[in-house]
Amino acid sequence: KPGGIFVISLYSFTAQSPDLFRNALRQFVLSGDHKLILDLRGNPGGYLDAAWDMASYFIPAGKVVVTEDFGKNGPPNVYRSKGYNAFGPNLDMIVLVDGGSASAAEILSGALQEQGVAKLVGTKTFGKGSVQELVPITSDTSLKVTIARWLTPNGHNLSHDGLDPDYNVPITDADIAAHRDPQMDKAVQLLDAQE
């Protein structure tokens, strides 16, 4: 984008995503820009480890990224930043989210929002914060059982109602028909204001 703004769009969290993300961040650094838009709209999630790894580029070591809460069935697993923290306070960042942003996309965006790294722009996220596993019933039948839930650094249960953006910006059918993206426009406006 013009004006020193770099955009990274992430469509899912796969095993390859951390390497692809690292390469995109390398391009961001080489660009000389210090304003970043991370587009997670329509991202259904994927691997927790990928979201955890990506959050670690922005969040200081030891800060909570997400908690896996087992309720009465055991102690929680707390995932803390690995401390890559490549940018520190010199980064201005916006994350774009919508109703299609779910699971690992919510984990990453929630951690960045609550740790004060980025503002969220768009619409409320999907609200997929359950951890599930398959339990075999017979040789050819399994049952998917929820065993835990994901909590943001501040303890927000992602399954209850997703994440609220800092700036709620819907996209209308008229916007789509006219090829307008008011969410991206708002992100650019916010970053342009941070000189």
N, C-alpha and C. Protein backbone atom coordinates (compact mmCIF):
# COMPACT_ATOMS: atom_id res chain seq x y z
N LYS A 1 0.85 -1.18 0.00
CA LYS A 1 0.00 0.00 0.00
C LYS A 1 0.89 1.24 0.00
N PRO A 2 0.43 2.31 -0.61
CA PRO A 2 1.20 3.56 -0.55
C PRO A 2 1.18 4.13 0.86
N GLY A 3 2.09 5.03 1.13
CA GLY A 3 2.12 5.67 2.43
C GLY A 3 2.84 4.87 3.49
N GLY A 4 3.70 3.96 3.07
CA GLY A 4 4.49 3.22 4.04
C GLY A 4 3.72 2.19 4.83
N ILE A 5 2.64 1.65 4.26
CA ILE A 5 1.84 0.63 4.93
C ILE A 5 2.02 -0.69 4.20
N PHE A 6 2.33 -1.74 4.96
CA PHE A 6 2.56 -3.07 4.41
C PHE A 6 1.38 -3.95 4.83
N VAL A 7 0.87 -4.77 3.91
CA VAL A 7 -0.28 -5.64 4.19
C VAL A 7 0.13 -7.10 4.06
N ILE A 8 -0.20 -7.89 5.08
CA ILE A 8 -0.03 -9.35 5.03
C ILE A 8 -1.41 -9.96 5.18
N SER A 9 -1.83 -10.76 4.20
CA SER A 9 -3.11 -11.47 4.25
C SER A 9 -2.84 -12.93 4.58
N LEU A 10 -3.53 -13.45 5.58
CA LEU A 10 -3.33 -14.82 6.02
C LEU A 10 -4.68 -15.54 5.93
N TYR A 11 -4.73 -16.61 5.14
CA TYR A 11 -6.00 -17.27 4.84
C TYR A 11 -6.28 -18.50 5.70
N SER A 12 -5.26 -19.04 6.36
CA SER A 12 -5.44 -20.18 7.27
C SER A 12 -4.16 -20.35 8.08
N PHE A 13 -4.22 -21.21 9.08
CA PHE A 13 -3.06 -21.50 9.92
C PHE A 13 -2.68 -22.96 9.69
N THR A 14 -1.75 -23.19 8.78
CA THR A 14 -1.29 -24.54 8.46
C THR A 14 0.10 -24.76 9.05
N ALA A 15 0.64 -25.95 8.84
CA ALA A 15 2.00 -26.23 9.31
C ALA A 15 3.03 -25.34 8.62
N GLN A 16 2.73 -24.90 7.40
CA GLN A 16 3.66 -24.06 6.65
C GLN A 16 3.50 -22.57 6.97
N SER A 17 2.43 -22.20 7.62
CA SER A 17 2.13 -20.78 7.86
C SER A 17 3.23 -20.02 8.59
N PRO A 18 3.85 -20.59 9.66
CA PRO A 18 4.90 -19.82 10.33
C PRO A 18 6.06 -19.45 9.41
N ASP A 19 6.48 -20.36 8.54
CA ASP A 19 7.58 -20.05 7.61
C ASP A 19 7.15 -18.99 6.60
N LEU A 20 5.95 -19.12 6.07
CA LEU A 20 5.44 -18.13 5.12
C LEU A 20 5.30 -16.77 5.79
N PHE A 21 4.83 -16.78 7.03
CA PHE A 21 4.67 -15.53 7.77
C PHE A 21 6.02 -14.88 8.04
N ARG A 22 6.99 -15.69 8.44
CA ARG A 22 8.34 -15.16 8.69
C ARG A 22 8.90 -14.52 7.43
N ASN A 23 8.70 -15.15 6.28
CA ASN A 23 9.17 -14.58 5.02
C ASN A 23 8.46 -13.27 4.70
N ALA A 24 7.15 -13.21 4.97
CA ALA A 24 6.40 -11.97 4.75
C ALA A 24 6.90 -10.87 5.68
N LEU A 25 7.20 -11.23 6.93
CA LEU A 25 7.74 -10.24 7.87
C LEU A 25 9.11 -9.75 7.42
N ARG A 26 9.90 -10.64 6.85
CA ARG A 26 11.21 -10.24 6.32
C ARG A 26 11.02 -9.20 5.22
N GLN A 27 10.04 -9.44 4.33
CA GLN A 27 9.75 -8.46 3.27
C GLN A 27 9.28 -7.14 3.86
N PHE A 28 8.49 -7.22 4.93
CA PHE A 28 8.03 -6.01 5.62
C PHE A 28 9.21 -5.21 6.14
N VAL A 29 10.14 -5.87 6.81
CA VAL A 29 11.32 -5.19 7.35
C VAL A 29 12.14 -4.58 6.22
N LEU A 30 12.35 -5.34 5.14
CA LEU A 30 13.14 -4.84 4.00
C LEU A 30 12.46 -3.67 3.31
N SER A 31 11.14 -3.58 3.41
CA SER A 31 10.42 -2.49 2.76
C SER A 31 10.70 -1.14 3.43
N GLY A 32 11.16 -1.19 4.67
CA GLY A 32 11.40 0.04 5.41
C GLY A 32 10.14 0.63 6.03
N ASP A 33 9.00 -0.01 5.80
CA ASP A 33 7.74 0.47 6.38
C ASP A 33 7.73 0.16 7.88
N HIS A 34 6.94 0.90 8.64
CA HIS A 34 6.76 0.59 10.06
C HIS A 34 5.28 0.49 10.42
N LYS A 35 4.43 0.44 9.40
CA LYS A 35 2.99 0.30 9.61
C LYS A 35 2.53 -0.99 8.94
N LEU A 36 1.83 -1.83 9.71
CA LEU A 36 1.47 -3.16 9.22
C LEU A 36 -0.03 -3.40 9.38
N ILE A 37 -0.64 -3.92 8.32
CA ILE A 37 -2.02 -4.41 8.38
C ILE A 37 -1.96 -5.93 8.21
N LEU A 38 -2.49 -6.65 9.19
CA LEU A 38 -2.58 -8.11 9.12
C LEU A 38 -4.05 -8.43 8.85
N ASP A 39 -4.31 -8.99 7.69
CA ASP A 39 -5.68 -9.27 7.26
C ASP A 39 -6.04 -10.72 7.57
N LEU A 40 -6.88 -10.92 8.58
CA LEU A 40 -7.33 -12.26 8.99
C LEU A 40 -8.80 -12.48 8.68
N ARG A 41 -9.36 -11.64 7.82
CA ARG A 41 -10.78 -11.79 7.46
C ARG A 41 -10.98 -13.10 6.70
N GLY A 42 -12.03 -13.82 7.08
CA GLY A 42 -12.34 -15.08 6.40
C GLY A 42 -11.39 -16.21 6.74
N ASN A 43 -10.51 -16.02 7.71
CA ASN A 43 -9.54 -17.04 8.09
C ASN A 43 -10.20 -17.97 9.12
N PRO A 44 -10.44 -19.25 8.76
CA PRO A 44 -11.15 -20.15 9.66
C PRO A 44 -10.29 -20.73 10.77
N GLY A 45 -8.99 -20.41 10.78
CA GLY A 45 -8.12 -20.92 11.83
C GLY A 45 -7.26 -22.06 11.35
N GLY A 46 -6.94 -22.97 12.27
CA GLY A 46 -6.03 -24.07 11.96
C GLY A 46 -5.19 -24.40 13.17
N TYR A 47 -3.89 -24.55 12.95
CA TYR A 47 -2.99 -25.00 14.01
C TYR A 47 -2.74 -23.93 15.07
N LEU A 48 -2.94 -24.30 16.33
CA LEU A 48 -2.62 -23.42 17.45
C LEU A 48 -1.15 -23.01 17.40
N ASP A 49 -0.26 -23.98 17.17
CA ASP A 49 1.18 -23.69 17.19
C ASP A 49 1.54 -22.59 16.20
N ALA A 50 0.86 -22.53 15.07
CA ALA A 50 1.13 -21.48 14.08
C ALA A 50 0.75 -20.12 14.64
N ALA A 51 -0.42 -20.01 15.25
CA ALA A 51 -0.86 -18.74 15.84
C ALA A 51 0.06 -18.32 16.98
N TRP A 52 0.45 -19.27 17.80
CA TRP A 52 1.35 -19.01 18.93
C TRP A 52 2.69 -18.48 18.42
N ASP A 53 3.23 -19.13 17.40
CA ASP A 53 4.50 -18.71 16.82
C ASP A 53 4.41 -17.30 16.25
N MET A 54 3.34 -17.03 15.51
CA MET A 54 3.18 -15.71 14.89
C MET A 54 3.02 -14.61 15.94
N ALA A 55 2.27 -14.87 16.99
CA ALA A 55 2.10 -13.88 18.05
C ALA A 55 3.44 -13.54 18.70
N SER A 56 4.34 -14.51 18.74
CA SER A 56 5.63 -14.31 19.40
C SER A 56 6.52 -13.30 18.69
N TYR A 57 6.21 -12.95 17.44
CA TYR A 57 6.98 -11.92 16.75
C TYR A 57 6.64 -10.53 17.26
N PHE A 58 5.51 -10.38 17.92
CA PHE A 58 5.02 -9.07 18.31
C PHE A 58 4.89 -8.87 19.82
N ILE A 59 4.78 -9.96 20.56
CA ILE A 59 4.51 -9.89 22.00
C ILE A 59 5.78 -10.24 22.77
N PRO A 60 6.13 -9.44 23.78
CA PRO A 60 7.35 -9.71 24.55
C PRO A 60 7.34 -11.09 25.20
N ALA A 61 8.53 -11.64 25.40
CA ALA A 61 8.70 -12.97 25.98
C ALA A 61 7.98 -13.09 27.31
N GLY A 62 7.30 -14.22 27.49
CA GLY A 62 6.65 -14.52 28.74
C GLY A 62 5.23 -14.01 28.87
N LYS A 63 4.82 -13.08 28.02
CA LYS A 63 3.44 -12.58 28.06
C LYS A 63 2.51 -13.65 27.51
N VAL A 64 1.31 -13.73 28.06
CA VAL A 64 0.35 -14.76 27.66
C VAL A 64 -0.17 -14.49 26.24
N VAL A 65 -0.19 -15.54 25.43
CA VAL A 65 -0.81 -15.51 24.10
C VAL A 65 -2.22 -16.08 24.21
N VAL A 66 -2.35 -17.26 24.82
CA VAL A 66 -3.65 -17.91 24.98
C VAL A 66 -3.56 -18.94 26.10
N THR A 67 -4.69 -19.23 26.72
CA THR A 67 -4.76 -20.26 27.75
C THR A 67 -5.75 -21.33 27.31
N GLU A 68 -5.32 -22.58 27.44
CA GLU A 68 -6.18 -23.73 27.17
C GLU A 68 -6.77 -24.15 28.52
N ASP A 69 -8.05 -23.89 28.72
CA ASP A 69 -8.72 -24.09 30.00
C ASP A 69 -9.51 -25.40 29.99
N PHE A 70 -9.11 -26.33 30.85
CA PHE A 70 -9.77 -27.64 30.94
C PHE A 70 -10.87 -27.66 32.00
N GLY A 71 -11.14 -26.53 32.62
CA GLY A 71 -12.16 -26.48 33.66
C GLY A 71 -11.78 -27.35 34.85
N LYS A 72 -12.71 -28.19 35.28
CA LYS A 72 -12.47 -29.06 36.44
C LYS A 72 -11.65 -30.30 36.08
N ASN A 73 -11.33 -30.46 34.80
CA ASN A 73 -10.65 -31.68 34.36
C ASN A 73 -9.14 -31.58 34.36
N GLY A 74 -8.59 -30.51 34.90
CA GLY A 74 -7.14 -30.42 34.99
C GLY A 74 -6.65 -28.99 34.95
N PRO A 75 -5.36 -28.81 35.24
CA PRO A 75 -4.80 -27.46 35.23
C PRO A 75 -4.73 -26.91 33.80
N PRO A 76 -4.78 -25.59 33.66
CA PRO A 76 -4.73 -25.00 32.32
C PRO A 76 -3.34 -25.08 31.71
N ASN A 77 -3.29 -25.07 30.39
CA ASN A 77 -2.03 -24.90 29.67
C ASN A 77 -1.95 -23.44 29.25
N VAL A 78 -0.92 -22.75 29.69
CA VAL A 78 -0.75 -21.34 29.34
C VAL A 78 0.34 -21.25 28.28
N TYR A 79 -0.01 -20.70 27.13
CA TYR A 79 0.94 -20.51 26.03
C TYR A 79 1.45 -19.08 26.10
N ARG A 80 2.75 -18.94 26.36
CA ARG A 80 3.37 -17.62 26.49
C ARG A 80 4.22 -17.31 25.26
N SER A 81 4.38 -16.02 25.00
CA SER A 81 5.19 -15.61 23.85
C SER A 81 6.59 -16.21 23.94
N LYS A 82 7.06 -16.69 22.80
CA LYS A 82 8.42 -17.22 22.71
C LYS A 82 9.44 -16.09 22.66
N GLY A 83 8.95 -14.86 22.53
CA GLY A 83 9.81 -13.70 22.66
C GLY A 83 10.65 -13.36 21.45
N TYR A 84 10.18 -13.70 20.26
CA TYR A 84 10.91 -13.24 19.07
C TYR A 84 10.89 -11.72 19.05
N ASN A 85 9.74 -11.14 19.45
CA ASN A 85 9.54 -9.70 19.64
C ASN A 85 10.40 -8.87 18.70
N ALA A 86 10.24 -9.07 17.42
CA ALA A 86 11.10 -8.47 16.41
C ALA A 86 10.90 -6.98 16.24
N PHE A 87 9.82 -6.42 16.77
CA PHE A 87 9.50 -5.04 16.42
C PHE A 87 9.48 -4.06 17.59
N GLY A 88 9.12 -4.51 18.76
CA GLY A 88 9.07 -3.60 19.89
C GLY A 88 8.05 -2.49 19.67
N PRO A 89 8.31 -1.31 20.25
CA PRO A 89 7.32 -0.23 20.19
C PRO A 89 7.33 0.55 18.87
N ASN A 90 8.21 0.20 17.94
CA ASN A 90 8.31 0.97 16.69
C ASN A 90 7.29 0.57 15.65
N LEU A 91 6.38 -0.31 15.99
CA LEU A 91 5.43 -0.85 15.02
C LEU A 91 4.03 -0.29 15.27
N ASP A 92 3.39 0.16 14.20
CA ASP A 92 1.97 0.51 14.24
C ASP A 92 1.23 -0.58 13.49
N MET A 93 0.25 -1.21 14.13
CA MET A 93 -0.37 -2.40 13.54
C MET A 93 -1.88 -2.40 13.71
N ILE A 94 -2.55 -2.82 12.64
CA ILE A 94 -4.00 -3.04 12.63
C ILE A 94 -4.24 -4.47 12.16
N VAL A 95 -5.20 -5.16 12.80
CA VAL A 95 -5.61 -6.49 12.36
C VAL A 95 -7.05 -6.39 11.87
N LEU A 96 -7.28 -6.85 10.64
CA LEU A 96 -8.63 -6.88 10.07
C LEU A 96 -9.28 -8.22 10.40
N VAL A 97 -10.51 -8.17 10.94
CA VAL A 97 -11.25 -9.38 11.32
C VAL A 97 -12.70 -9.25 10.87
N ASP A 98 -13.36 -10.41 10.79
CA ASP A 98 -14.80 -10.42 10.47
C ASP A 98 -15.41 -11.70 11.01
N GLY A 99 -16.67 -11.95 10.67
CA GLY A 99 -17.37 -13.14 11.15
C GLY A 99 -16.78 -14.44 10.65
N GLY A 100 -15.91 -14.39 9.66
CA GLY A 100 -15.23 -15.58 9.17
C GLY A 100 -13.89 -15.83 9.84
N SER A 101 -13.47 -14.91 10.72
CA SER A 101 -12.22 -15.08 11.47
C SER A 101 -12.53 -15.96 12.68
N ALA A 102 -11.92 -17.15 12.73
CA ALA A 102 -12.29 -18.11 13.78
C ALA A 102 -11.05 -18.82 14.33
N SER A 103 -11.23 -19.43 15.50
CA SER A 103 -10.26 -20.34 16.06
C SER A 103 -8.87 -19.70 16.18
N ALA A 104 -7.87 -20.22 15.47
CA ALA A 104 -6.51 -19.70 15.58
C ALA A 104 -6.43 -18.24 15.16
N ALA A 105 -7.28 -17.81 14.23
CA ALA A 105 -7.31 -16.39 13.83
C ALA A 105 -7.77 -15.53 15.01
N GLU A 106 -8.70 -16.05 15.80
CA GLU A 106 -9.16 -15.32 16.98
C GLU A 106 -8.11 -15.35 18.09
N ILE A 107 -7.40 -16.45 18.20
CA ILE A 107 -6.33 -16.54 19.20
C ILE A 107 -5.27 -15.48 18.92
N LEU A 108 -4.81 -15.40 17.66
CA LEU A 108 -3.79 -14.42 17.30
C LEU A 108 -4.30 -13.00 17.46
N SER A 109 -5.47 -12.70 16.90
CA SER A 109 -5.96 -11.32 16.96
C SER A 109 -6.30 -10.92 18.40
N GLY A 110 -6.85 -11.84 19.19
CA GLY A 110 -7.15 -11.54 20.59
C GLY A 110 -5.91 -11.25 21.40
N ALA A 111 -4.85 -12.03 21.17
CA ALA A 111 -3.59 -11.79 21.88
C ALA A 111 -2.99 -10.45 21.50
N LEU A 112 -2.99 -10.13 20.21
CA LEU A 112 -2.42 -8.86 19.75
C LEU A 112 -3.22 -7.68 20.29
N GLN A 113 -4.55 -7.83 20.32
CA GLN A 113 -5.41 -6.77 20.84
C GLN A 113 -5.19 -6.57 22.34
N GLU A 114 -5.28 -7.65 23.11
CA GLU A 114 -5.25 -7.53 24.56
C GLU A 114 -3.86 -7.22 25.10
N GLN A 115 -2.82 -7.57 24.37
CA GLN A 115 -1.46 -7.23 24.80
C GLN A 115 -1.05 -5.84 24.32
N GLY A 116 -1.98 -5.11 23.70
CA GLY A 116 -1.72 -3.72 23.32
C GLY A 116 -0.85 -3.54 22.09
N VAL A 117 -0.73 -4.60 21.28
CA VAL A 117 0.13 -4.54 20.09
C VAL A 117 -0.63 -3.98 18.90
N ALA A 118 -1.91 -4.30 18.77
CA ALA A 118 -2.67 -3.92 17.57
C ALA A 118 -4.11 -3.58 17.94
N LYS A 119 -4.73 -2.80 17.09
CA LYS A 119 -6.16 -2.53 17.16
C LYS A 119 -6.85 -3.44 16.13
N LEU A 120 -8.07 -3.87 16.46
CA LEU A 120 -8.85 -4.69 15.54
C LEU A 120 -9.86 -3.82 14.82
N VAL A 121 -9.96 -4.00 13.51
CA VAL A 121 -10.91 -3.27 12.67
C VAL A 121 -11.72 -4.30 11.89
N GLY A 122 -13.03 -4.10 11.82
CA GLY A 122 -13.90 -4.99 11.05
C GLY A 122 -15.18 -5.25 11.80
N THR A 123 -15.57 -6.52 11.86
CA THR A 123 -16.78 -6.92 12.57
C THR A 123 -16.46 -8.04 13.55
N LYS A 124 -17.41 -8.34 14.43
CA LYS A 124 -17.23 -9.38 15.45
C LYS A 124 -16.77 -10.69 14.81
N THR A 125 -15.82 -11.36 15.49
CA THR A 125 -15.31 -12.63 14.97
C THR A 125 -16.30 -13.77 15.25
N PHE A 126 -16.00 -14.94 14.71
CA PHE A 126 -16.92 -16.07 14.70
C PHE A 126 -17.26 -16.60 16.10
N GLY A 127 -16.25 -16.75 16.96
CA GLY A 127 -16.49 -17.31 18.29
C GLY A 127 -16.26 -18.81 18.36
N LYS A 128 -15.14 -19.28 17.79
CA LYS A 128 -14.79 -20.71 17.84
C LYS A 128 -13.61 -20.86 18.79
N GLY A 129 -13.91 -21.15 20.04
CA GLY A 129 -12.85 -21.24 21.03
C GLY A 129 -12.84 -22.55 21.78
N SER A 130 -13.31 -23.62 21.16
CA SER A 130 -13.32 -24.91 21.85
C SER A 130 -12.21 -25.80 21.32
N VAL A 131 -11.70 -26.63 22.23
CA VAL A 131 -10.68 -27.62 21.89
C VAL A 131 -11.38 -28.96 21.85
N GLN A 132 -11.26 -29.66 20.74
CA GLN A 132 -11.99 -30.91 20.59
C GLN A 132 -11.05 -32.06 20.25
N GLU A 133 -11.46 -33.26 20.64
CA GLU A 133 -10.72 -34.46 20.25
C GLU A 133 -11.71 -35.55 19.87
N LEU A 134 -11.24 -36.47 19.03
CA LEU A 134 -12.08 -37.60 18.60
C LEU A 134 -11.94 -38.75 19.59
N VAL A 135 -13.08 -39.27 20.05
CA VAL A 135 -13.10 -40.41 20.95
C VAL A 135 -13.69 -41.58 20.18
N PRO A 136 -12.90 -42.69 20.01
CA PRO A 136 -13.43 -43.84 19.27
C PRO A 136 -14.60 -44.49 20.01
N ILE A 137 -15.66 -44.79 19.27
CA ILE A 137 -16.83 -45.47 19.83
C ILE A 137 -16.83 -46.93 19.38
N THR A 138 -16.69 -47.14 18.08
CA THR A 138 -16.54 -48.48 17.51
C THR A 138 -15.36 -48.41 16.54
N SER A 139 -15.09 -49.49 15.83
CA SER A 139 -13.95 -49.50 14.91
C SER A 139 -14.11 -48.50 13.77
N ASP A 140 -15.34 -48.12 13.44
CA ASP A 140 -15.53 -47.18 12.33
C ASP A 140 -16.34 -45.94 12.72
N THR A 141 -16.47 -45.70 14.03
CA THR A 141 -17.25 -44.55 14.49
C THR A 141 -16.49 -43.83 15.60
N SER A 142 -16.49 -42.50 15.51
CA SER A 142 -15.89 -41.68 16.56
C SER A 142 -16.85 -40.57 16.94
N LEU A 143 -16.64 -40.05 18.12
CA LEU A 143 -17.43 -38.93 18.62
C LEU A 143 -16.48 -37.77 18.90
N LYS A 144 -16.81 -36.59 18.39
CA LYS A 144 -15.99 -35.41 18.65
C LYS A 144 -16.47 -34.78 19.96
N VAL A 145 -15.55 -34.67 20.93
CA VAL A 145 -15.88 -34.19 22.26
C VAL A 145 -15.08 -32.93 22.57
N THR A 146 -15.75 -31.92 23.11
CA THR A 146 -15.05 -30.72 23.55
C THR A 146 -14.38 -31.02 24.88
N ILE A 147 -13.05 -30.79 24.94
CA ILE A 147 -12.30 -31.11 26.16
C ILE A 147 -11.77 -29.87 26.87
N ALA A 148 -11.75 -28.73 26.16
CA ALA A 148 -11.22 -27.50 26.76
C ALA A 148 -11.73 -26.31 25.96
N ARG A 149 -11.41 -25.12 26.45
CA ARG A 149 -11.79 -23.91 25.73
C ARG A 149 -10.59 -22.96 25.72
N TRP A 150 -10.56 -22.12 24.69
CA TRP A 150 -9.48 -21.14 24.57
C TRP A 150 -9.88 -19.85 25.25
N LEU A 151 -8.96 -19.30 26.04
CA LEU A 151 -9.17 -18.01 26.69
C LEU A 151 -8.10 -17.03 26.23
N THR A 152 -8.51 -15.80 25.97
CA THR A 152 -7.56 -14.75 25.60
C THR A 152 -6.69 -14.40 26.81
N PRO A 153 -5.65 -13.57 26.63
CA PRO A 153 -4.81 -13.20 27.78
C PRO A 153 -5.58 -12.62 28.96
N ASN A 154 -6.67 -11.91 28.69
CA ASN A 154 -7.49 -11.34 29.77
C ASN A 154 -8.58 -12.28 30.26
N GLY A 155 -8.59 -13.53 29.77
CA GLY A 155 -9.55 -14.52 30.25
C GLY A 155 -10.87 -14.55 29.51
N HIS A 156 -10.96 -13.87 28.37
CA HIS A 156 -12.20 -13.86 27.57
C HIS A 156 -12.37 -15.21 26.88
N ASN A 157 -13.52 -15.84 27.08
CA ASN A 157 -13.82 -17.13 26.46
C ASN A 157 -14.24 -16.88 25.01
N LEU A 158 -13.40 -17.30 24.07
CA LEU A 158 -13.67 -17.03 22.66
C LEU A 158 -14.97 -17.67 22.18
N SER A 159 -15.38 -18.77 22.79
CA SER A 159 -16.59 -19.46 22.32
C SER A 159 -17.87 -18.71 22.67
N HIS A 160 -17.83 -17.86 23.67
CA HIS A 160 -19.07 -17.20 24.09
C HIS A 160 -19.60 -16.26 23.03
N ASP A 161 -18.76 -15.37 22.54
CA ASP A 161 -19.27 -14.42 21.55
C ASP A 161 -18.19 -13.84 20.65
N GLY A 162 -17.09 -14.50 20.51
CA GLY A 162 -16.04 -14.00 19.63
C GLY A 162 -15.38 -12.75 20.19
N LEU A 163 -14.68 -12.04 19.33
CA LEU A 163 -13.98 -10.82 19.70
C LEU A 163 -14.68 -9.62 19.09
N ASP A 164 -14.80 -8.57 19.87
CA ASP A 164 -15.32 -7.30 19.35
C ASP A 164 -14.16 -6.48 18.83
N PRO A 165 -14.27 -5.95 17.62
CA PRO A 165 -13.20 -5.10 17.12
C PRO A 165 -13.17 -3.76 17.86
N ASP A 166 -12.02 -3.11 17.86
CA ASP A 166 -11.91 -1.77 18.43
C ASP A 166 -12.70 -0.77 17.59
N TYR A 167 -12.74 -1.03 16.28
CA TYR A 167 -13.48 -0.19 15.34
C TYR A 167 -14.40 -1.10 14.54
N ASN A 168 -15.71 -1.02 14.82
CA ASN A 168 -16.68 -1.86 14.11
C ASN A 168 -17.00 -1.22 12.76
N VAL A 169 -16.59 -1.89 11.69
CA VAL A 169 -16.78 -1.36 10.33
C VAL A 169 -17.37 -2.47 9.47
N PRO A 170 -18.68 -2.45 9.23
CA PRO A 170 -19.29 -3.48 8.38
C PRO A 170 -19.00 -3.23 6.90
N ILE A 171 -19.14 -4.28 6.11
CA ILE A 171 -19.08 -4.17 4.65
C ILE A 171 -20.48 -4.51 4.14
N THR A 172 -21.05 -3.62 3.36
CA THR A 172 -22.41 -3.83 2.84
C THR A 172 -22.36 -4.50 1.47
N ASP A 173 -23.51 -4.98 1.03
CA ASP A 173 -23.60 -5.54 -0.33
C ASP A 173 -23.24 -4.49 -1.37
N ALA A 174 -23.62 -3.24 -1.11
CA ALA A 174 -23.29 -2.15 -2.04
C ALA A 174 -21.77 -1.95 -2.11
N ASP A 175 -21.09 -2.08 -0.96
CA ASP A 175 -19.62 -1.98 -0.96
C ASP A 175 -19.01 -3.08 -1.82
N ILE A 176 -19.51 -4.29 -1.66
CA ILE A 176 -18.99 -5.43 -2.42
C ILE A 176 -19.22 -5.21 -3.91
N ALA A 177 -20.43 -4.79 -4.27
CA ALA A 177 -20.76 -4.56 -5.68
C ALA A 177 -19.88 -3.48 -6.29
N ALA A 178 -19.51 -2.49 -5.49
CA ALA A 178 -18.70 -1.37 -5.99
C ALA A 178 -17.20 -1.60 -5.77
N HIS A 179 -16.84 -2.81 -5.31
CA HIS A 179 -15.43 -3.16 -5.05
C HIS A 179 -14.79 -2.22 -4.04
N ARG A 180 -15.58 -1.80 -3.04
CA ARG A 180 -15.06 -0.96 -1.96
C ARG A 180 -14.74 -1.84 -0.76
N ASP A 181 -13.73 -1.45 -0.01
CA ASP A 181 -13.34 -2.17 1.20
C ASP A 181 -13.22 -1.17 2.35
N PRO A 182 -14.35 -0.81 2.99
CA PRO A 182 -14.30 0.19 4.06
C PRO A 182 -13.46 -0.24 5.27
N GLN A 183 -13.31 -1.55 5.47
CA GLN A 183 -12.48 -2.03 6.58
C GLN A 183 -11.01 -1.71 6.32
N MET A 184 -10.54 -2.03 5.12
CA MET A 184 -9.16 -1.69 4.75
C MET A 184 -8.98 -0.18 4.76
N ASP A 185 -9.97 0.55 4.25
CA ASP A 185 -9.88 2.02 4.23
C ASP A 185 -9.73 2.57 5.65
N LYS A 186 -10.49 2.02 6.60
CA LYS A 186 -10.42 2.48 7.99
C LYS A 186 -9.05 2.17 8.58
N ALA A 187 -8.52 0.98 8.29
CA ALA A 187 -7.19 0.61 8.79
C ALA A 187 -6.13 1.58 8.27
N VAL A 188 -6.20 1.89 6.99
CA VAL A 188 -5.24 2.83 6.39
C VAL A 188 -5.39 4.21 7.03
N GLN A 189 -6.63 4.64 7.21
CA GLN A 189 -6.88 5.95 7.84
C GLN A 189 -6.26 6.01 9.24
N LEU A 190 -6.46 4.96 10.03
CA LEU A 190 -5.93 4.93 11.39
C LEU A 190 -4.40 4.95 11.39
N LEU A 191 -3.79 4.19 10.49
CA LEU A 191 -2.33 4.15 10.43
C LEU A 191 -1.76 5.45 9.90
N ASP A 192 -2.44 6.06 8.94
CA ASP A 192 -1.99 7.36 8.41
C ASP A 192 -1.99 8.43 9.49
N ALA A 193 -2.91 8.30 10.45
CA ALA A 193 -3.01 9.29 11.52
C ALA A 193 -1.90 9.14 12.56
N GLN A 194 -1.17 8.01 12.51
CA GLN A 194 -0.09 7.75 13.48
C GLN A 194 1.26 8.09 12.86
N GLU A 195 1.55 9.35 12.77
CA GLU A 195 2.83 9.77 12.18
C GLU A 195 3.90 9.87 13.23
